[in-house]
Amino acid sequence: MKIAFFDTKSYWKDSFGPMAEKYGYEITFFNERLTPATAHLAAGHDATCSFVNDEVPAEVIRELKDLGIKVLLLRCAGFDSVDLAVAKECGLPVLRVPAYSPQSVAEQGAALLMAINRKCHLSYQRTTKFNFDIAGLTGIALYGKTAGIIGTGKIGQCMIDILKGFGMNIIAYDAFPNPNLGLEYVSLDELYARSDVISIHCPLMPATRHMVDKDAFAKMKDGVIFINVARGGLVDSEALADAVESGKVRGVGMDVCEVEHEYFFEDRSNLEKHDPTLARLLANENILISGHQAFLTEEALEQMAKVTLDNAKAFLAGEELVNEVK
């Protein structure tokens, strides 16, 4: 199998390259993201391998089909970048990595929670300048507080385990509650009203886009801390900025944002103009943003490579495609 690998970075080469050799696959690593302008690079390959910020709309899928692509490999859990209806129409299976290391993602969420609560980023900025004044760095004790978890899939469950270790009380919301988890499931409105910390772990789809909006923030407890290591589009960024600036939200830790395609995984410090909403978020000391790095652990990268290549192997062998997005 020849795989056209898009949006390549050094860590992808390090994880996929050696493993592909073991499978006997040939990978062409392209630095470019997969977009309508770059889809032609897949000519001569059997599959594409794309990540969260690649763009696979209808026109790309149809061009890939014409180029002879037989399967679309996603080295991630999210599939919102792909027009699934057109992929089905073209007979191109979409295979993803549903759970590469949920612990890694949840740990990043917990890291952001601790950092924004105890203002580690502000303390670091001071101490590097030999300023050890701690005024203005007051946080809250998480022990005994209530954490509201929106989405109780694998990552949500890992986040729950971590927060229980802090001694927090857990309430949860999920469109499809899991009775086997022994959780206290509540409505979204109740979760908003009771939670001192809210952490969201949902897939992005039309029904969930901007599910956390101005009205949602208005229903939250004053001084809530909000964590998002899922997808930026789940949250209305303007409403988020308003909620933090007004003091309604104490702090935000986020590994994702709505304009990732324009910024994430690249050095954009040389740009003269930036997205005004993202600039507004980054300028607020009560908002801490990491660049979609929650997956970036050695264990996760190894698992992503293995599952992606196993998906390709199953496709070639005509076996059941257990990780197909339908």
Protein backbone atom coordinates (compact mmCIF):
# COMPACT_ATOMS: atom_id res chain seq x y z
CA MET A 1 0.00 0.00 0.00
CA LYS A 2 1.15 3.52 -0.86
CA ILE A 3 -0.06 6.15 1.59
CA ALA A 4 -0.10 9.90 0.98
CA PHE A 5 0.54 11.35 4.45
CA PHE A 6 -0.52 14.98 4.86
CA ASP A 7 0.36 17.70 7.40
CA THR A 8 3.64 16.02 8.31
CA LYS A 9 5.65 17.04 11.36
CA SER A 10 8.79 15.43 12.80
CA TYR A 11 6.86 13.52 15.46
CA TRP A 12 4.67 11.92 12.78
CA LYS A 13 7.68 10.74 10.81
CA ASP A 14 9.27 9.34 13.96
CA SER A 15 6.17 7.34 14.88
CA PHE A 16 4.78 6.29 11.47
CA GLY A 17 7.96 5.85 9.44
CA PRO A 18 9.59 2.88 11.21
CA MET A 19 6.26 1.15 11.81
CA ALA A 20 5.21 1.48 8.15
CA GLU A 21 8.39 -0.31 7.15
CA LYS A 22 7.43 -3.24 9.39
CA TYR A 23 4.04 -3.40 7.68
CA GLY A 24 5.64 -3.18 4.26
CA TYR A 25 3.82 0.06 3.40
CA GLU A 26 5.28 3.00 1.50
CA ILE A 27 4.51 6.43 2.94
CA THR A 28 5.03 9.72 1.13
CA PHE A 29 5.23 12.44 3.76
CA PHE A 30 3.81 15.77 2.56
CA ASN A 31 4.26 18.90 4.67
CA GLU A 32 1.11 20.39 3.18
CA ARG A 33 -2.30 19.98 4.78
CA LEU A 34 -4.85 18.06 2.73
CA THR A 35 -7.07 20.72 1.15
CA PRO A 36 -8.75 21.31 -2.22
CA ALA A 37 -5.49 22.94 -3.35
CA THR A 38 -3.27 19.98 -2.38
CA ALA A 39 -5.43 16.92 -3.03
CA HIS A 40 -3.63 16.36 -6.35
CA LEU A 41 -0.51 15.33 -4.40
CA ALA A 42 -2.25 12.03 -3.60
CA ALA A 43 -1.92 10.86 -7.21
CA GLY A 44 -0.24 7.47 -7.43
CA HIS A 45 -1.22 6.44 -3.91
CA ASP A 46 -3.80 4.00 -2.55
CA ALA A 47 -4.75 5.89 0.61
CA THR A 48 -4.53 9.26 2.28
CA CYS A 49 -3.67 9.77 5.93
CA SER A 50 -4.98 13.00 7.41
CA PHE A 51 -5.26 14.71 10.80
CA VAL A 52 -7.68 17.07 12.54
CA ASN A 53 -6.84 20.22 10.59
CA ASP A 54 -6.86 18.67 7.15
CA GLU A 55 -9.88 19.51 5.01
CA VAL A 56 -11.71 16.68 3.27
CA PRO A 57 -14.92 18.18 1.88
CA ALA A 58 -16.92 16.80 -1.06
CA GLU A 59 -14.66 18.25 -3.77
CA VAL A 60 -11.55 16.74 -2.20
CA ILE A 61 -13.16 13.33 -1.82
CA ARG A 62 -14.31 13.26 -5.43
CA GLU A 63 -10.84 14.29 -6.64
CA LEU A 64 -9.20 11.62 -4.47
CA LYS A 65 -11.58 9.05 -5.92
CA ASP A 66 -10.64 10.11 -9.45
CA LEU A 67 -6.95 9.85 -8.52
CA GLY A 68 -7.39 6.22 -7.51
CA ILE A 69 -7.52 6.59 -3.73
CA LYS A 70 -9.29 3.59 -2.21
CA VAL A 71 -9.50 4.41 1.50
CA LEU A 72 -9.31 7.49 3.75
CA LEU A 73 -7.22 6.96 6.88
CA LEU A 74 -7.68 9.35 9.82
CA ARG A 75 -4.94 9.32 12.43
CA CYS A 76 -7.32 10.82 14.98
CA ALA A 77 -10.64 10.15 16.67
CA GLY A 78 -12.54 13.14 15.27
CA PHE A 79 -14.07 12.89 11.82
CA ASP A 80 -15.71 16.31 11.44
CA SER A 81 -13.17 17.22 8.73
CA VAL A 82 -14.63 14.63 6.31
CA ASP A 83 -17.84 14.80 4.27
CA LEU A 84 -19.01 11.33 5.23
CA ALA A 85 -22.01 11.29 2.91
CA VAL A 86 -19.87 11.94 -0.16
CA ALA A 87 -17.25 9.46 1.02
CA LYS A 88 -19.96 6.81 1.19
CA GLU A 89 -21.28 7.87 -2.22
CA CYS A 90 -17.77 7.44 -3.68
CA GLY A 91 -17.26 4.11 -1.96
CA LEU A 92 -14.30 5.32 0.11
CA PRO A 93 -14.24 3.88 3.64
CA VAL A 94 -13.25 6.36 6.36
CA LEU A 95 -11.17 4.64 9.05
CA ARG A 96 -10.25 6.43 12.26
CA VAL A 97 -8.39 5.87 15.54
CA PRO A 98 -11.20 5.97 18.10
CA ALA A 99 -9.08 5.70 21.25
CA TYR A 100 -5.34 6.16 20.93
CA SER A 101 -4.62 7.27 24.50
CA PRO A 102 -7.59 8.79 26.28
CA GLN A 103 -5.43 9.09 29.38
CA SER A 104 -3.02 11.43 27.56
CA VAL A 105 -5.82 13.77 26.49
CA ALA A 106 -7.44 13.79 29.92
CA GLU A 107 -4.09 14.45 31.59
CA GLN A 108 -3.66 17.55 29.42
CA GLY A 109 -7.10 18.69 30.51
CA ALA A 110 -6.11 18.23 34.13
CA ALA A 111 -2.82 20.06 33.52
CA LEU A 112 -4.69 23.02 32.04
CA LEU A 113 -7.12 22.97 34.97
CA MET A 114 -4.32 23.05 37.53
CA ALA A 115 -2.34 25.66 35.63
CA ILE A 116 -5.19 28.12 35.11
CA ASN A 117 -6.55 27.62 38.64
CA ARG A 118 -3.20 28.09 40.39
CA LYS A 119 -2.00 30.61 37.78
CA CYS A 120 1.19 28.68 37.01
CA HIS A 121 1.66 30.52 33.72
CA LEU A 122 1.59 33.91 35.47
CA SER A 123 3.90 32.71 38.24
CA TYR A 124 6.36 31.42 35.64
CA GLN A 125 6.36 34.75 33.83
CA ARG A 126 7.19 36.52 37.09
CA THR A 127 9.83 34.18 38.46
CA THR A 128 11.83 34.12 35.21
CA LYS A 129 12.31 37.83 35.87
CA PHE A 130 13.21 37.22 39.55
CA ASN A 131 9.83 38.56 40.62
CA PHE A 132 8.58 36.34 43.45
CA ASP A 133 5.60 38.45 44.46
CA ILE A 134 2.61 36.08 44.72
CA ALA A 135 -0.12 38.72 45.03
CA GLY A 136 -2.84 38.06 42.45
CA LEU A 137 -2.04 34.36 42.10
CA THR A 138 -4.76 33.04 44.40
CA GLY A 139 -6.59 29.92 43.24
CA ILE A 140 -9.22 27.65 44.74
CA ALA A 141 -8.87 24.25 46.40
CA LEU A 142 -10.41 21.64 44.10
CA TYR A 143 -10.98 19.19 46.96
CA GLY A 144 -14.69 18.99 47.76
CA LYS A 145 -15.71 21.06 44.73
CA THR A 146 -18.09 19.81 42.03
CA ALA A 147 -16.86 18.93 38.55
CA GLY A 148 -19.36 18.70 35.71
CA ILE A 149 -18.27 16.41 32.87
CA ILE A 150 -20.01 16.88 29.54
CA GLY A 151 -19.50 13.68 27.55
CA THR A 152 -18.64 10.44 29.33
CA GLY A 153 -16.84 8.50 26.62
CA LYS A 154 -13.32 7.17 27.10
CA ILE A 155 -11.66 10.57 27.56
CA GLY A 156 -14.44 11.86 29.78
CA GLN A 157 -14.12 8.76 31.96
CA CYS A 158 -10.36 9.28 32.30
CA MET A 159 -10.95 12.90 33.30
CA ILE A 160 -13.45 11.74 35.90
CA ASP A 161 -10.90 9.34 37.39
CA ILE A 162 -8.32 12.13 37.67
CA LEU A 163 -10.73 14.60 39.27
CA LYS A 164 -11.95 11.97 41.72
CA GLY A 165 -8.31 11.68 42.76
CA PHE A 166 -8.41 15.38 43.62
CA GLY A 167 -11.38 14.65 45.90
CA MET A 168 -13.92 16.34 43.65
CA ASN A 169 -17.59 15.45 43.47
CA ILE A 170 -18.63 14.40 39.95
CA ILE A 171 -21.83 15.06 38.02
CA ALA A 172 -22.20 14.34 34.34
CA TYR A 173 -24.22 14.92 31.20
CA ASP A 174 -24.26 12.73 28.11
CA ALA A 175 -26.80 12.41 25.31
CA PHE A 176 -26.44 8.66 25.83
CA PRO A 177 -25.85 8.06 29.56
CA ASN A 178 -23.90 4.95 30.50
CA PRO A 179 -25.65 3.27 33.44
CA ASN A 180 -22.62 1.05 34.07
CA LEU A 181 -20.43 3.96 35.16
CA GLY A 182 -22.31 4.65 38.38
CA LEU A 183 -22.36 8.38 37.70
CA GLU A 184 -24.88 11.00 38.71
CA TYR A 185 -26.25 12.09 35.35
CA VAL A 186 -28.06 15.43 35.31
CA SER A 187 -29.47 17.81 32.71
CA LEU A 188 -27.14 20.34 31.13
CA ASP A 189 -28.90 23.16 32.94
CA GLU A 190 -28.38 21.46 36.30
CA LEU A 191 -24.76 20.72 35.48
CA TYR A 192 -24.18 24.37 34.61
CA ALA A 193 -25.80 25.55 37.85
CA ARG A 194 -23.95 23.17 40.19
CA SER A 195 -20.44 22.86 38.76
CA ASP A 196 -17.35 24.68 40.00
CA VAL A 197 -15.38 23.14 37.14
CA ILE A 198 -16.81 22.13 33.75
CA SER A 199 -14.86 19.92 31.36
CA ILE A 200 -16.28 19.11 27.93
CA HIS A 201 -15.50 15.89 26.02
CA CYS A 202 -17.87 15.70 23.05
CA PRO A 203 -17.42 15.11 19.32
CA LEU A 204 -18.03 18.06 17.01
CA MET A 205 -20.99 17.65 14.69
CA PRO A 206 -23.82 19.93 13.54
CA ALA A 207 -25.87 19.14 16.65
CA THR A 208 -23.03 20.06 19.03
CA ARG A 209 -21.54 23.11 17.31
CA HIS A 210 -21.67 26.05 19.71
CA MET A 211 -23.54 23.94 22.26
CA VAL A 212 -21.80 26.12 24.86
CA ASP A 213 -22.98 29.60 23.95
CA LYS A 214 -24.00 32.86 25.61
CA ASP A 215 -27.08 31.30 27.18
CA ALA A 216 -25.07 28.37 28.52
CA PHE A 217 -22.52 30.63 30.19
CA ALA A 218 -25.34 32.65 31.75
CA LYS A 219 -26.61 29.48 33.43
CA MET A 220 -23.22 28.60 34.93
CA LYS A 221 -22.19 29.25 38.50
CA ASP A 222 -20.26 32.49 39.01
CA GLY A 223 -16.53 31.83 39.09
CA VAL A 224 -16.65 28.54 37.19
CA ILE A 225 -13.51 27.16 35.53
CA PHE A 226 -14.06 25.84 32.00
CA ILE A 227 -11.86 23.21 30.31
CA ASN A 228 -12.00 22.14 26.66
CA VAL A 229 -9.66 19.49 25.23
CA ALA A 230 -12.26 18.25 22.71
CA ARG A 231 -13.07 20.55 19.77
CA GLY A 232 -13.02 24.32 19.48
CA GLY A 233 -16.30 24.49 17.59
CA LEU A 234 -18.21 23.18 20.60
CA VAL A 235 -17.89 26.63 22.16
CA ASP A 236 -18.89 30.06 20.89
CA SER A 237 -15.55 31.86 21.20
CA GLU A 238 -17.06 35.34 21.40
CA ALA A 239 -19.38 34.25 24.20
CA LEU A 240 -16.44 32.63 25.97
CA ALA A 241 -14.38 35.80 25.81
CA ASP A 242 -17.32 37.83 27.08
CA ALA A 243 -17.88 35.44 29.99
CA VAL A 244 -14.24 35.64 31.11
CA GLU A 245 -13.98 39.40 30.70
CA SER A 246 -17.16 39.91 32.72
CA GLY A 247 -15.84 37.74 35.56
CA LYS A 248 -18.57 35.14 35.12
CA VAL A 249 -15.90 32.54 34.31
CA ARG A 250 -12.86 32.46 36.61
CA GLY A 251 -10.57 30.81 34.13
CA VAL A 252 -10.39 28.78 30.94
CA GLY A 253 -7.99 26.04 29.90
CA MET A 254 -8.32 25.01 26.25
CA ASP A 255 -6.28 22.85 23.90
CA VAL A 256 -8.50 23.69 20.93
CA CYS A 257 -10.04 26.73 19.25
CA GLU A 258 -12.40 27.56 16.42
CA VAL A 259 -9.73 28.82 14.00
CA GLU A 260 -7.23 25.97 14.35
CA HIS A 261 -6.96 25.52 10.59
CA GLU A 262 -5.32 28.92 10.29
CA TYR A 263 -2.91 28.62 13.21
CA PHE A 264 -2.34 25.32 14.96
CA PHE A 265 0.74 23.14 14.35
CA GLU A 266 2.55 26.07 12.69
CA ASP A 267 4.59 29.08 13.80
CA ARG A 268 2.37 32.06 13.03
CA SER A 269 4.31 34.61 15.05
CA ASN A 270 5.40 36.38 11.85
CA LEU A 271 1.87 37.33 10.79
CA GLU A 272 1.07 41.03 11.00
CA LYS A 273 -2.64 40.48 11.58
CA HIS A 274 -4.33 37.79 13.61
CA ASP A 275 -7.86 36.54 14.06
CA PRO A 276 -9.40 39.17 16.37
CA THR A 277 -11.29 36.70 18.58
CA LEU A 278 -8.27 34.42 19.05
CA ALA A 279 -6.12 37.47 19.80
CA ARG A 280 -8.68 38.55 22.37
CA LEU A 281 -8.59 35.14 24.05
CA LEU A 282 -4.78 34.99 24.08
CA ALA A 283 -4.53 38.47 25.57
CA ASN A 284 -6.56 37.48 28.64
CA GLU A 285 -4.40 36.19 31.50
CA ASN A 286 -7.32 34.10 32.75
CA ILE A 287 -7.34 32.04 29.56
CA LEU A 288 -4.62 29.47 28.91
CA ILE A 289 -4.44 27.96 25.41
CA SER A 290 -2.23 25.09 24.30
CA GLY A 291 -1.92 24.23 20.61
CA HIS A 292 -3.87 20.97 20.31
CA GLN A 293 -1.10 18.99 21.98
CA ALA A 294 -3.21 16.83 24.29
CA PHE A 295 -2.46 13.81 22.09
CA LEU A 296 1.27 14.47 22.03
CA THR A 297 2.73 11.70 24.16
CA GLU A 298 5.03 8.90 23.07
CA GLU A 299 2.38 6.35 23.98
CA ALA A 300 -0.37 8.08 22.02
CA LEU A 301 1.77 8.55 18.92
CA GLU A 302 2.72 4.88 18.91
CA GLN A 303 -0.91 3.82 19.29
CA MET A 304 -2.09 6.21 16.57
CA ALA A 305 0.44 4.78 14.14
CA LYS A 306 -0.37 1.18 15.03
CA VAL A 307 -4.15 1.53 14.79
CA THR A 308 -3.96 3.57 11.56
CA LEU A 309 -1.77 0.98 9.89
CA ASP A 310 -3.86 -1.88 11.29
CA ASN A 311 -6.88 -0.18 9.72
CA ALA A 312 -5.07 -0.16 6.37
CA LYS A 313 -4.12 -3.82 6.85
CA ALA A 314 -7.74 -4.80 7.53
CA PHE A 315 -8.88 -2.93 4.43
CA LEU A 316 -6.32 -4.67 2.23
CA ALA A 317 -7.25 -8.08 3.64
CA GLY A 318 -10.98 -7.53 3.19
CA GLU A 319 -11.54 -7.98 6.90
CA GLU A 320 -14.16 -6.30 9.06
CA LEU A 321 -13.41 -2.58 9.35
CA VAL A 322 -14.02 -2.17 13.06
CA ASN A 323 -12.91 1.48 13.06
CA GLU A 324 -14.92 2.64 10.06
CA VAL A 325 -16.96 5.79 10.52
CA LYS A 326 -20.49 5.05 9.29
